[in-house]
Amino acid sequence: GEAAYPQIRMVCLMELSSHLLVNSAFDSVAENEMNLASQLISSIPNHSLTLFDRGFYSLGLLHAWQQAQPNSHWLLPLKKGTQYEVVRTLGKHDQWVKLTTTPQARKKWPQLPDTLEARLLTKTVKGKSVAILTSLTDPMRYPSEDIVDLYAHRWEIELGYREMKQH
């Protein structure tokens, strides 16, 4: 039957250390999270890194996110089955990769180029291989160990959502 309360979907930018809400987009639960996330592009602060869940893998969204400010970046777990070409190896578990965009994505995101380059880091955590894709491509400025540690902090986002849902 019908739910007693309207169901909504929310996507938000959060400051991780305090879980303060920075900006958010709300809509019906039927609205796609990718569309809600795209509404936040104009709110992206400069000199920032956004940690996405793998469900937000969209080269159009990621490119627009990175282009929003001179130094805005993203990081997300690599979605299983993602196709990429290794441009060069930066270290044992550190590669520069090229991702090919689709005509459908370029139609939806007109500024999207034919290919995007990103950094792919892998690490074994508790016997499981984890692959992380990021726009932090400079290995001198952003050491791979530091980026992998940042990935662990993404659980703070989960805690923040849990707090919002419960309160």
Protein backbone atom coordinates (compact mmCIF):
# COMPACT_ATOMS: atom_id res chain seq x y z
CA GLY A 1 0.00 0.00 0.00
CA GLU A 2 0.83 3.69 0.12
CA ALA A 3 3.39 4.84 2.67
CA ALA A 4 2.06 7.08 5.44
CA TYR A 5 4.77 9.64 4.66
CA PRO A 6 6.13 10.69 1.27
CA GLN A 7 9.38 8.97 0.47
CA ILE A 8 12.18 11.28 -0.57
CA ARG A 9 15.72 10.86 -1.83
CA MET A 10 18.48 13.12 -0.57
CA VAL A 11 22.02 13.72 -1.78
CA CYS A 12 24.21 16.14 0.12
CA LEU A 13 27.68 17.58 0.49
CA MET A 14 28.92 17.18 4.04
CA GLU A 15 31.90 18.37 6.02
CA LEU A 16 33.18 15.03 7.32
CA SER A 17 34.75 15.83 10.67
CA SER A 18 31.63 17.29 12.20
CA HIS A 19 28.89 15.90 9.93
CA LEU A 20 27.57 19.40 9.37
CA LEU A 21 25.32 19.63 6.37
CA VAL A 22 26.90 21.90 3.77
CA ASN A 23 24.32 21.64 0.99
CA SER A 24 21.69 19.15 -0.11
CA ALA A 25 19.24 18.29 -2.85
CA PHE A 26 15.91 16.61 -2.11
CA ASP A 27 13.29 15.09 -4.38
CA SER A 28 10.93 12.17 -4.72
CA VAL A 29 12.38 8.72 -4.10
CA ALA A 30 11.76 8.16 -7.82
CA GLU A 31 14.38 10.80 -8.69
CA ASN A 32 17.79 9.44 -9.65
CA GLU A 33 20.60 10.15 -7.14
CA MET A 34 22.92 11.10 -10.02
CA ASN A 35 20.51 13.90 -11.02
CA LEU A 36 20.36 15.12 -7.42
CA ALA A 37 24.15 15.04 -7.16
CA SER A 38 24.44 17.12 -10.33
CA GLN A 39 22.35 19.83 -8.63
CA LEU A 40 25.18 20.21 -6.10
CA ILE A 41 27.91 20.96 -8.64
CA SER A 42 27.53 24.72 -8.19
CA SER A 43 28.10 24.26 -4.42
CA ILE A 44 31.42 22.43 -4.67
CA PRO A 45 34.09 24.27 -2.69
CA ASN A 46 37.51 24.89 -4.19
CA HIS A 47 40.39 22.81 -2.77
CA SER A 48 38.05 19.95 -1.94
CA LEU A 49 37.84 16.20 -2.32
CA THR A 50 34.44 14.55 -2.56
CA LEU A 51 34.21 10.87 -1.59
CA PHE A 52 31.50 9.17 -3.64
CA ASP A 53 29.92 5.75 -3.28
CA ARG A 54 30.53 3.48 -6.31
CA GLY A 55 26.90 3.99 -7.35
CA PHE A 56 27.82 7.53 -8.39
CA TYR A 57 30.15 6.33 -11.14
CA SER A 58 29.23 8.56 -14.06
CA LEU A 59 32.03 10.02 -16.15
CA GLY A 60 29.80 13.00 -16.97
CA LEU A 61 29.15 13.75 -13.31
CA LEU A 62 32.77 13.18 -12.28
CA HIS A 63 34.12 15.39 -15.07
CA ALA A 64 31.65 18.19 -14.25
CA TRP A 65 32.51 17.84 -10.55
CA GLN A 66 36.23 18.19 -11.25
CA GLN A 67 35.70 21.15 -13.60
CA ALA A 68 33.49 23.07 -11.15
CA GLN A 69 36.45 24.61 -9.34
CA PRO A 70 40.14 24.93 -10.21
CA ASN A 71 41.04 22.36 -7.54
CA SER A 72 37.99 20.21 -6.80
CA HIS A 73 38.55 16.46 -6.85
CA TRP A 74 36.66 13.20 -6.45
CA LEU A 75 37.37 9.69 -5.23
CA LEU A 76 35.23 6.55 -5.43
CA PRO A 77 35.56 2.77 -5.34
CA LEU A 78 35.98 1.40 -8.87
CA LYS A 79 32.74 -0.11 -10.12
CA LYS A 80 33.12 -3.79 -11.03
CA GLY A 81 33.50 -4.31 -14.76
CA THR A 82 34.67 -0.75 -15.48
CA GLN A 83 36.69 -0.68 -18.69
CA TYR A 84 39.90 1.33 -18.76
CA GLU A 85 43.27 1.51 -20.47
CA VAL A 86 46.47 1.81 -18.44
CA VAL A 87 48.37 4.89 -19.66
CA ARG A 88 51.33 4.33 -17.35
CA THR A 89 52.26 2.67 -14.08
CA LEU A 90 53.13 5.08 -11.26
CA GLY A 91 53.92 2.45 -8.63
CA LYS A 92 53.23 -1.12 -7.57
CA HIS A 93 49.52 -0.50 -6.91
CA ASP A 94 49.23 2.86 -8.63
CA GLN A 95 48.25 3.43 -12.28
CA TRP A 96 47.29 6.33 -14.51
CA VAL A 97 44.30 5.16 -16.57
CA LYS A 98 42.19 6.37 -19.47
CA LEU A 99 38.41 5.94 -19.38
CA THR A 100 36.37 6.18 -22.60
CA THR A 101 33.08 8.05 -22.43
CA THR A 102 29.94 6.95 -24.25
CA PRO A 103 27.99 8.91 -26.87
CA GLN A 104 24.97 8.83 -24.51
CA ALA A 105 27.02 10.40 -21.70
CA ARG A 106 28.41 13.07 -24.05
CA LYS A 107 24.85 13.90 -25.17
CA LYS A 108 23.74 14.35 -21.54
CA TRP A 109 26.97 16.16 -20.55
CA PRO A 110 27.97 18.30 -23.60
CA GLN A 111 31.30 19.38 -22.05
CA LEU A 112 32.38 15.74 -21.56
CA PRO A 113 35.44 14.80 -23.67
CA ASP A 114 35.83 11.46 -25.47
CA THR A 115 38.17 10.20 -22.73
CA LEU A 116 39.00 11.06 -19.13
CA GLU A 117 42.20 10.27 -17.30
CA ALA A 118 42.25 9.29 -13.66
CA ARG A 119 44.34 7.43 -11.14
CA LEU A 120 43.60 3.85 -10.13
CA LEU A 121 44.91 2.60 -6.79
CA THR A 122 44.58 -0.94 -5.50
CA LYS A 123 45.11 -2.30 -2.02
CA THR A 124 44.33 -5.56 -0.26
CA VAL A 125 42.24 -4.96 2.85
CA LYS A 126 41.46 -8.00 5.03
CA GLY A 127 42.20 -10.33 2.13
CA LYS A 128 39.95 -8.42 -0.29
CA SER A 129 41.31 -6.34 -3.17
CA VAL A 130 39.97 -2.79 -3.18
CA ALA A 131 40.28 -0.55 -6.26
CA ILE A 132 39.93 3.22 -5.93
CA LEU A 133 39.51 5.65 -8.81
CA THR A 134 40.35 9.33 -8.26
CA SER A 135 41.04 12.64 -9.96
CA LEU A 136 44.04 13.16 -7.62
CA THR A 137 46.50 12.29 -10.38
CA ASP A 138 49.72 13.91 -9.12
CA PRO A 139 51.62 11.13 -7.27
CA MET A 140 54.08 13.58 -5.69
CA ARG A 141 51.40 15.83 -4.27
CA TYR A 142 48.98 13.00 -3.43
CA PRO A 143 50.87 9.87 -2.29
CA SER A 144 48.96 6.64 -2.91
CA GLU A 145 49.05 5.62 0.77
CA ASP A 146 47.36 8.89 1.76
CA ILE A 147 44.62 8.43 -0.83
CA VAL A 148 43.94 4.85 0.28
CA ASP A 149 43.70 6.10 3.89
CA LEU A 150 41.16 8.70 2.73
CA TYR A 151 39.05 5.91 1.29
CA ALA A 152 38.72 4.47 4.80
CA HIS A 153 37.26 7.80 5.92
CA ARG A 154 34.38 7.45 3.50
CA TRP A 155 32.64 5.43 6.19
CA GLU A 156 32.19 8.74 7.99
CA ILE A 157 29.72 9.60 5.24
CA GLU A 158 27.75 6.46 6.05
CA LEU A 159 27.69 7.47 9.72
CA GLY A 160 26.50 10.94 8.76
CA TYR A 161 23.63 9.56 6.69
CA ARG A 162 22.71 7.19 9.50
CA GLU A 163 22.56 10.14 11.92
CA MET A 164 20.32 12.11 9.56
CA LYS A 165 17.99 9.16 9.03
CA GLN A 166 17.66 8.48 12.75
CA HIS A 167 17.25 12.09 13.88
